[in-house]
């Protein structure tokens, strides 16, 4: 089932809505002009939005460091943060991730194949109504070429962008840096000054996928330098 994570003061999404934006509640750390950094411990404490069972989130020692593990065995739930992020001050989203493997035989452009071993997404409100949210989903795709994008199978208000593709780098840490405003301009034709939320997840509910993802710290930063991965 796809899903959109409703932001604060917005009604819950209708059944079978997309996996893409963010849920209510605020979590720690006040906004500031400096880099906003979220540790694995902080991400573990983010609220959960469940769509089909519970992806298992826990802190683990992995490759010698403490990281957030997200284990999906046909489940789908997200960890989310509702936060106003000023993209003028901190335009770059940086993080490291790793996956155990990818899903075979899925068509990610369809409702039945809308599963990813790892995804990170940002969302922004475009109005006061529940469906007036746009989100960019950065995904570790099972089979779509890296750099390609496509609309979520359930709505055109969420766009998937493949940063990694296939299992060639499974078991390796990969660092990502995204200019979030630039991605919104390219994917939505918008020029946002900020975004309103951030989330991560591993999901396998549509096709019964089995995968584990690991995330080190995430941050919005003024620096476009690649993150230092474990």
C-alpha atoms as a PDB file:
ATOM      1  CA  UNK A   1       0.000   0.000   0.000  1.00  0.00           C
ATOM      2  CA  UNK A   2       1.367   3.389  -0.884  1.00  0.00           C
ATOM      3  CA  UNK A   3       1.160   6.164   1.646  1.00  0.00           C
ATOM      4  CA  UNK A   4       1.431   9.901   2.236  1.00  0.00           C
ATOM      5  CA  UNK A   5       2.438  11.017   5.687  1.00  0.00           C
ATOM      6  CA  UNK A   6       0.078  13.833   6.700  1.00  0.00           C
ATOM      7  CA  UNK A   7       1.630  16.897   8.283  1.00  0.00           C
ATOM      8  CA  UNK A   8       0.422  18.514  11.485  1.00  0.00           C
ATOM      9  CA  UNK A   9      -3.190  19.790  11.582  1.00  0.00           C
ATOM     10  CA  UNK A  10      -3.982  17.887   8.385  1.00  0.00           C
ATOM     11  CA  UNK A  11      -6.483  15.048   8.340  1.00  0.00           C
ATOM     12  CA  UNK A  12      -5.345  11.444   8.046  1.00  0.00           C
ATOM     13  CA  UNK A  13      -4.838  10.260   4.439  1.00  0.00           C
ATOM     14  CA  UNK A  14      -7.490   8.177   2.663  1.00  0.00           C
ATOM     15  CA  UNK A  15      -6.889   4.432   2.313  1.00  0.00           C
ATOM     16  CA  UNK A  16      -4.224   3.342  -0.184  1.00  0.00           C
ATOM     17  CA  UNK A  17      -2.611   6.718  -0.458  1.00  0.00           C
ATOM     18  CA  UNK A  18       1.067   7.035  -1.232  1.00  0.00           C
ATOM     19  CA  UNK A  19       4.225   6.552   0.706  1.00  0.00           C
ATOM     20  CA  UNK A  20       5.633   9.957   0.457  1.00  0.00           C
ATOM     21  CA  UNK A  21       5.301  12.988   2.679  1.00  0.00           C
ATOM     22  CA  UNK A  22       5.040  13.223   6.462  1.00  0.00           C
ATOM     23  CA  UNK A  23       2.978  12.778   9.624  1.00  0.00           C
ATOM     24  CA  UNK A  24       2.177  15.061  12.505  1.00  0.00           C
ATOM     25  CA  UNK A  25       4.091  15.595  15.733  1.00  0.00           C
ATOM     26  CA  UNK A  26       7.201  17.555  16.357  1.00  0.00           C
ATOM     27  CA  UNK A  27      10.399  16.037  17.595  1.00  0.00           C
ATOM     28  CA  UNK A  28      13.267  17.690  19.453  1.00  0.00           C
ATOM     29  CA  UNK A  29      15.861  20.132  18.091  1.00  0.00           C
ATOM     30  CA  UNK A  30      14.807  23.709  17.360  1.00  0.00           C
ATOM     31  CA  UNK A  31      15.324  25.192  13.924  1.00  0.00           C
ATOM     32  CA  UNK A  32      18.537  27.109  13.451  1.00  0.00           C
ATOM     33  CA  UNK A  33      20.691  28.518  10.694  1.00  0.00           C
ATOM     34  CA  UNK A  34      23.445  26.007  11.381  1.00  0.00           C
ATOM     35  CA  UNK A  35      23.445  22.426  10.137  1.00  0.00           C
ATOM     36  CA  UNK A  36      20.600  20.382  11.574  1.00  0.00           C
ATOM     37  CA  UNK A  37      22.033  16.983  12.387  1.00  0.00           C
ATOM     38  CA  UNK A  38      20.011  13.934  13.380  1.00  0.00           C
ATOM     39  CA  UNK A  39      21.858  11.050  15.009  1.00  0.00           C
ATOM     40  CA  UNK A  40      20.747   7.413  14.767  1.00  0.00           C
ATOM     41  CA  UNK A  41      19.444   7.714  18.343  1.00  0.00           C
ATOM     42  CA  UNK A  42      17.426  10.816  17.443  1.00  0.00           C
ATOM     43  CA  UNK A  43      15.986   9.112  14.356  1.00  0.00           C
ATOM     44  CA  UNK A  44      14.994   6.074  16.418  1.00  0.00           C
ATOM     45  CA  UNK A  45      13.013   8.410  18.684  1.00  0.00           C
ATOM     46  CA  UNK A  46      11.106  10.010  15.798  1.00  0.00           C
ATOM     47  CA  UNK A  47       7.385   9.135  15.734  1.00  0.00           C
ATOM     48  CA  UNK A  48       6.255   6.146  13.680  1.00  0.00           C
ATOM     49  CA  UNK A  49       3.552   6.001  11.039  1.00  0.00           C
ATOM     50  CA  UNK A  50       2.457   2.436  10.291  1.00  0.00           C
ATOM     51  CA  UNK A  51       0.888   1.458   6.966  1.00  0.00           C
ATOM     52  CA  UNK A  52       1.097  -2.346   6.928  1.00  0.00           C
ATOM     53  CA  UNK A  53       2.524  -3.757  10.117  1.00  0.00           C
ATOM     54  CA  UNK A  54       5.703  -2.410  11.656  1.00  0.00           C
ATOM     55  CA  UNK A  55       9.094  -2.168  10.011  1.00  0.00           C
ATOM     56  CA  UNK A  56      11.493  -3.058  12.855  1.00  0.00           C
ATOM     57  CA  UNK A  57      13.669  -0.077  13.793  1.00  0.00           C
ATOM     58  CA  UNK A  58      16.486  -0.391  16.321  1.00  0.00           C
ATOM     59  CA  UNK A  59      19.956   0.881  17.135  1.00  0.00           C
ATOM     60  CA  UNK A  60      22.663  -1.635  16.276  1.00  0.00           C
ATOM     61  CA  UNK A  61      26.429  -1.830  16.115  1.00  0.00           C
ATOM     62  CA  UNK A  62      27.142  -2.293  12.421  1.00  0.00           C
ATOM     63  CA  UNK A  63      30.566  -2.038  10.802  1.00  0.00           C
ATOM     64  CA  UNK A  64      31.897  -0.847  14.137  1.00  0.00           C
ATOM     65  CA  UNK A  65      29.528   2.091  14.633  1.00  0.00           C
ATOM     66  CA  UNK A  66      26.081   2.704  16.077  1.00  0.00           C
ATOM     67  CA  UNK A  67      23.506   3.103  13.295  1.00  0.00           C
ATOM     68  CA  UNK A  68      19.759   2.875  12.781  1.00  0.00           C
ATOM     69  CA  UNK A  69      18.611  -0.447  11.350  1.00  0.00           C
ATOM     70  CA  UNK A  70      15.310  -0.732   9.465  1.00  0.00           C
ATOM     71  CA  UNK A  71      14.206  -4.313   8.852  1.00  0.00           C
ATOM     72  CA  UNK A  72      11.165  -5.007   6.663  1.00  0.00           C
ATOM     73  CA  UNK A  73       9.687  -8.458   6.237  1.00  0.00           C
ATOM     74  CA  UNK A  74       6.640  -7.512   4.225  1.00  0.00           C
ATOM     75  CA  UNK A  75       5.826  -4.590   6.529  1.00  0.00           C
ATOM     76  CA  UNK A  76       5.775  -0.847   5.986  1.00  0.00           C
ATOM     77  CA  UNK A  77       6.151   1.864   8.605  1.00  0.00           C
ATOM     78  CA  UNK A  78       8.091   5.110   8.556  1.00  0.00           C
ATOM     79  CA  UNK A  79      10.064   7.137  11.048  1.00  0.00           C
ATOM     80  CA  UNK A  80       9.285  10.807  10.446  1.00  0.00           C
ATOM     81  CA  UNK A  81      10.193  14.264  11.670  1.00  0.00           C
ATOM     82  CA  UNK A  82       8.014  17.328  11.253  1.00  0.00           C
ATOM     83  CA  UNK A  83      10.325  20.333  11.059  1.00  0.00           C
ATOM     84  CA  UNK A  84      10.530  23.610   9.169  1.00  0.00           C
ATOM     85  CA  UNK A  85      13.800  23.512   7.229  1.00  0.00           C
ATOM     86  CA  UNK A  86      15.108  26.733   5.679  1.00  0.00           C
ATOM     87  CA  UNK A  87      16.643  25.717   2.367  1.00  0.00           C
ATOM     88  CA  UNK A  88      18.221  29.126   2.010  1.00  0.00           C
ATOM     89  CA  UNK A  89      20.360  28.433   5.087  1.00  0.00           C
ATOM     90  CA  UNK A  90      20.792  24.650   4.814  1.00  0.00           C
ATOM     91  CA  UNK A  91      20.003  23.584   1.240  1.00  0.00           C
ATOM     92  CA  UNK A  92      21.791  20.216   1.239  1.00  0.00           C
ATOM     93  CA  UNK A  93      20.451  16.978   2.686  1.00  0.00           C
ATOM     94  CA  UNK A  94      23.310  14.586   3.473  1.00  0.00           C
ATOM     95  CA  UNK A  95      23.240  11.020   4.744  1.00  0.00           C
ATOM     96  CA  UNK A  96      24.791   7.546   4.458  1.00  0.00           C
ATOM     97  CA  UNK A  97      22.840   4.359   3.877  1.00  0.00           C
ATOM     98  CA  UNK A  98      23.399   0.674   3.215  1.00  0.00           C
ATOM     99  CA  UNK A  99      21.060  -2.157   2.177  1.00  0.00           C
ATOM    100  CA  UNK A 100      21.283  -5.920   2.580  1.00  0.00           C
ATOM    101  CA  UNK A 101      19.881  -6.478  -0.895  1.00  0.00           C
ATOM    102  CA  UNK A 102      17.151  -5.436  -3.317  1.00  0.00           C
ATOM    103  CA  UNK A 103      13.831  -6.898  -4.420  1.00  0.00           C
ATOM    104  CA  UNK A 104      13.603  -9.151  -7.464  1.00  0.00           C
ATOM    105  CA  UNK A 105      10.772  -9.130  -9.962  1.00  0.00           C
ATOM    106  CA  UNK A 106       9.081  -5.883  -8.866  1.00  0.00           C
ATOM    107  CA  UNK A 107       7.833  -3.113 -11.117  1.00  0.00           C
ATOM    108  CA  UNK A 108       8.355  -0.023  -8.978  1.00  0.00           C
ATOM    109  CA  UNK A 109       6.227   2.102 -11.275  1.00  0.00           C
ATOM    110  CA  UNK A 110       3.087   0.129 -10.334  1.00  0.00           C
ATOM    111  CA  UNK A 111       1.022  -0.037  -7.152  1.00  0.00           C
ATOM    112  CA  UNK A 112       1.922  -3.698  -6.602  1.00  0.00           C
ATOM    113  CA  UNK A 113       5.643  -2.947  -6.871  1.00  0.00           C
ATOM    114  CA  UNK A 114       5.868   0.266  -4.846  1.00  0.00           C
ATOM    115  CA  UNK A 115       8.450  -1.162  -2.408  1.00  0.00           C
ATOM    116  CA  UNK A 116      12.031  -0.080  -1.688  1.00  0.00           C
ATOM    117  CA  UNK A 117      14.670  -1.560   0.602  1.00  0.00           C
ATOM    118  CA  UNK A 118      15.546   2.014   1.615  1.00  0.00           C
ATOM    119  CA  UNK A 119      14.049   5.432   1.060  1.00  0.00           C
ATOM    120  CA  UNK A 120      14.486   8.929   2.425  1.00  0.00           C
ATOM    121  CA  UNK A 121      11.966  11.594   1.665  1.00  0.00           C
ATOM    122  CA  UNK A 122      11.249  15.255   2.159  1.00  0.00           C
ATOM    123  CA  UNK A 123       7.876  16.958   2.003  1.00  0.00           C
ATOM    124  CA  UNK A 124       6.481  20.448   1.783  1.00  0.00           C
ATOM    125  CA  UNK A 125       2.987  21.803   2.217  1.00  0.00           C
ATOM    126  CA  UNK A 126       1.470  23.546  -0.779  1.00  0.00           C
ATOM    127  CA  UNK A 127      -1.847  24.398   0.918  1.00  0.00           C
ATOM    128  CA  UNK A 128      -4.047  23.686   3.921  1.00  0.00           C
ATOM    129  CA  UNK A 129      -5.844  20.598   2.625  1.00  0.00           C
ATOM    130  CA  UNK A 130      -4.615  17.058   3.383  1.00  0.00           C
ATOM    131  CA  UNK A 131      -3.642  16.286  -0.193  1.00  0.00           C
ATOM    132  CA  UNK A 132      -1.800  19.578  -0.696  1.00  0.00           C
ATOM    133  CA  UNK A 133       1.621  18.122   0.020  1.00  0.00           C
ATOM    134  CA  UNK A 134       4.438  17.482  -2.431  1.00  0.00           C
ATOM    135  CA  UNK A 135       7.212  15.058  -1.640  1.00  0.00           C
ATOM    136  CA  UNK A 136      10.462  13.910  -3.174  1.00  0.00           C
ATOM    137  CA  UNK A 137      11.323  10.285  -2.422  1.00  0.00           C
ATOM    138  CA  UNK A 138      15.003   9.426  -2.672  1.00  0.00           C
ATOM    139  CA  UNK A 139      15.076   5.667  -3.143  1.00  0.00           C
ATOM    140  CA  UNK A 140      17.494   2.788  -3.397  1.00  0.00           C
ATOM    141  CA  UNK A 141      15.794   1.249  -6.405  1.00  0.00           C
ATOM    142  CA  UNK A 142      15.784  -2.457  -7.153  1.00  0.00           C
ATOM    143  CA  UNK A 143      15.838  -2.036 -10.927  1.00  0.00           C
ATOM    144  CA  UNK A 144      15.268   1.538 -12.134  1.00  0.00           C
ATOM    145  CA  UNK A 145      18.467   3.200 -13.390  1.00  0.00           C
ATOM    146  CA  UNK A 146      20.162   5.605 -11.009  1.00  0.00           C
ATOM    147  CA  UNK A 147      19.233   9.183 -11.827  1.00  0.00           C
ATOM    148  CA  UNK A 148      15.803   8.379 -13.216  1.00  0.00           C
ATOM    149  CA  UNK A 149      12.571   9.699 -11.708  1.00  0.00           C
ATOM    150  CA  UNK A 150       8.915   8.724 -11.985  1.00  0.00           C
ATOM    151  CA  UNK A 151       5.592   9.633 -10.320  1.00  0.00           C
ATOM    152  CA  UNK A 152       4.375   7.525  -7.455  1.00  0.00           C
ATOM    153  CA  UNK A 153       1.900   4.941  -8.718  1.00  0.00           C
ATOM    154  CA  UNK A 154      -0.817   6.361  -6.471  1.00  0.00           C
ATOM    155  CA  UNK A 155      -0.407  10.117  -6.977  1.00  0.00           C
ATOM    156  CA  UNK A 156       1.452  12.677  -9.058  1.00  0.00           C
ATOM    157  CA  UNK A 157       2.119  14.735  -5.916  1.00  0.00           C
ATOM    158  CA  UNK A 158       4.966  12.428  -4.995  1.00  0.00           C
ATOM    159  CA  UNK A 159       7.952  11.732  -7.237  1.00  0.00           C
ATOM    160  CA  UNK A 160      10.481   8.936  -6.838  1.00  0.00           C
ATOM    161  CA  UNK A 161      14.139   9.609  -7.640  1.00  0.00           C
ATOM    162  CA  UNK A 162      16.513   6.655  -7.838  1.00  0.00           C
ATOM    163  CA  UNK A 163      19.872   7.486  -6.271  1.00  0.00           C
ATOM    164  CA  UNK A 164      21.130   3.904  -6.229  1.00  0.00           C
ATOM    165  CA  UNK A 165      20.059   0.980  -8.376  1.00  0.00           C
ATOM    166  CA  UNK A 166      20.326  -2.761  -7.983  1.00  0.00           C
ATOM    167  CA  UNK A 167      22.435  -4.832  -5.658  1.00  0.00           C
ATOM    168  CA  UNK A 168      25.949  -4.016  -6.899  1.00  0.00           C
ATOM    169  CA  UNK A 169      26.585  -1.851  -3.829  1.00  0.00           C
ATOM    170  CA  UNK A 170      24.541  -3.916  -1.374  1.00  0.00           C
ATOM    171  CA  UNK A 171      26.534  -4.397   1.818  1.00  0.00           C
ATOM    172  CA  UNK A 172      28.445  -1.141   1.253  1.00  0.00           C
ATOM    173  CA  UNK A 173      27.954   2.278   2.811  1.00  0.00           C
ATOM    174  CA  UNK A 174      26.999   4.895   0.231  1.00  0.00           C
ATOM    175  CA  UNK A 175      27.024   8.638   0.909  1.00  0.00           C
ATOM    176  CA  UNK A 176      24.422  10.951  -0.598  1.00  0.00           C
ATOM    177  CA  UNK A 177      24.182  14.731  -0.976  1.00  0.00           C
ATOM    178  CA  UNK A 178      21.081  16.336  -2.455  1.00  0.00           C
ATOM    179  CA  UNK A 179      20.290  19.955  -3.236  1.00  0.00           C
ATOM    180  CA  UNK A 180      16.665  19.681  -2.163  1.00  0.00           C
ATOM    181  CA  UNK A 181      15.421  22.906  -3.763  1.00  0.00           C
ATOM    182  CA  UNK A 182      17.078  21.952  -7.056  1.00  0.00           C
ATOM    183  CA  UNK A 183      15.348  18.573  -6.956  1.00  0.00           C
ATOM    184  CA  UNK A 184      11.977  20.257  -6.373  1.00  0.00           C
ATOM    185  CA  UNK A 185      12.610  22.585  -9.298  1.00  0.00           C
ATOM    186  CA  UNK A 186      13.438  19.691 -11.599  1.00  0.00           C
ATOM    187  CA  UNK A 187      10.704  17.322 -10.452  1.00  0.00           C
ATOM    188  CA  UNK A 188       7.855  19.724  -9.667  1.00  0.00           C
ATOM    189  CA  UNK A 189       8.810  22.995 -11.332  1.00  0.00           C
ATOM    190  CA  UNK A 190       8.710  24.629  -7.893  1.00  0.00           C
ATOM    191  CA  UNK A 191      11.266  26.803  -6.098  1.00  0.00           C
ATOM    192  CA  UNK A 192      10.599  26.256  -2.393  1.00  0.00           C
ATOM    193  CA  UNK A 193      12.278  28.309   0.304  1.00  0.00           C
ATOM    194  CA  UNK A 194      11.938  25.399   2.692  1.00  0.00           C
ATOM    195  CA  UNK A 195      10.439  22.005   3.419  1.00  0.00           C
ATOM    196  CA  UNK A 196       8.257  20.883   6.299  1.00  0.00           C
ATOM    197  CA  UNK A 197       9.278  17.320   7.002  1.00  0.00           C
ATOM    198  CA  UNK A 198      11.734  14.471   6.652  1.00  0.00           C
ATOM    199  CA  UNK A 199      11.251  10.709   6.867  1.00  0.00           C
ATOM    200  CA  UNK A 200      12.962   7.397   6.245  1.00  0.00           C
ATOM    201  CA  UNK A 201      11.816   3.840   5.873  1.00  0.00           C
ATOM    202  CA  UNK A 202      12.308   0.358   4.505  1.00  0.00           C
ATOM    203  CA  UNK A 203       9.132  -1.161   3.113  1.00  0.00           C
ATOM    204  CA  UNK A 204       8.049  -4.388   1.492  1.00  0.00           C
ATOM    205  CA  UNK A 205       4.308  -4.510   2.009  1.00  0.00           C
ATOM    206  CA  UNK A 206       3.086  -4.477  -1.592  1.00  0.00           C
ATOM    207  CA  UNK A 207       5.181  -7.350  -2.917  1.00  0.00           C
ATOM    208  CA  UNK A 208       6.065  -9.017   0.390  1.00  0.00           C
ATOM    209  CA  UNK A 209       9.677  -7.855   0.204  1.00  0.00           C
ATOM    210  CA  UNK A 210      12.389  -8.886   2.649  1.00  0.00           C
ATOM    211  CA  UNK A 211      15.207  -6.388   3.175  1.00  0.00           C
ATOM    212  CA  UNK A 212      17.227  -4.544   5.786  1.00  0.00           C
ATOM    213  CA  UNK A 213      18.589  -1.006   5.539  1.00  0.00           C
ATOM    214  CA  UNK A 214      20.988   0.896   7.774  1.00  0.00           C
ATOM    215  CA  UNK A 215      21.196   4.670   8.164  1.00  0.00           C
ATOM    216  CA  UNK A 216      23.946   6.701   9.802  1.00  0.00           C
ATOM    217  CA  UNK A 217      23.346  10.314  10.792  1.00  0.00           C
ATOM    218  CA  UNK A 218      21.351  12.604   8.507  1.00  0.00           C
ATOM    219  CA  UNK A 219      21.646  16.354   8.263  1.00  0.00           C
ATOM    220  CA  UNK A 220      20.555  19.486   6.461  1.00  0.00           C
ATOM    221  CA  UNK A 221      23.691  21.507   5.862  1.00  0.00           C
ATOM    222  CA  UNK A 222      25.133  24.521   4.071  1.00  0.00           C
ATOM    223  CA  UNK A 223      27.915  22.226   2.823  1.00  0.00           C
ATOM    224  CA  UNK A 224      27.696  20.223  -0.375  1.00  0.00           C
ATOM    225  CA  UNK A 225      30.633  18.033   0.604  1.00  0.00           C
ATOM    226  CA  UNK A 226      29.957  14.285   0.644  1.00  0.00           C
ATOM    227  CA  UNK A 227      29.263  12.879   4.104  1.00  0.00           C
ATOM    228  CA  UNK A 228      31.844  10.735   5.853  1.00  0.00           C
ATOM    229  CA  UNK A 229      30.348   7.261   5.996  1.00  0.00           C
ATOM    230  CA  UNK A 230      31.144   4.540   8.540  1.00  0.00           C
END
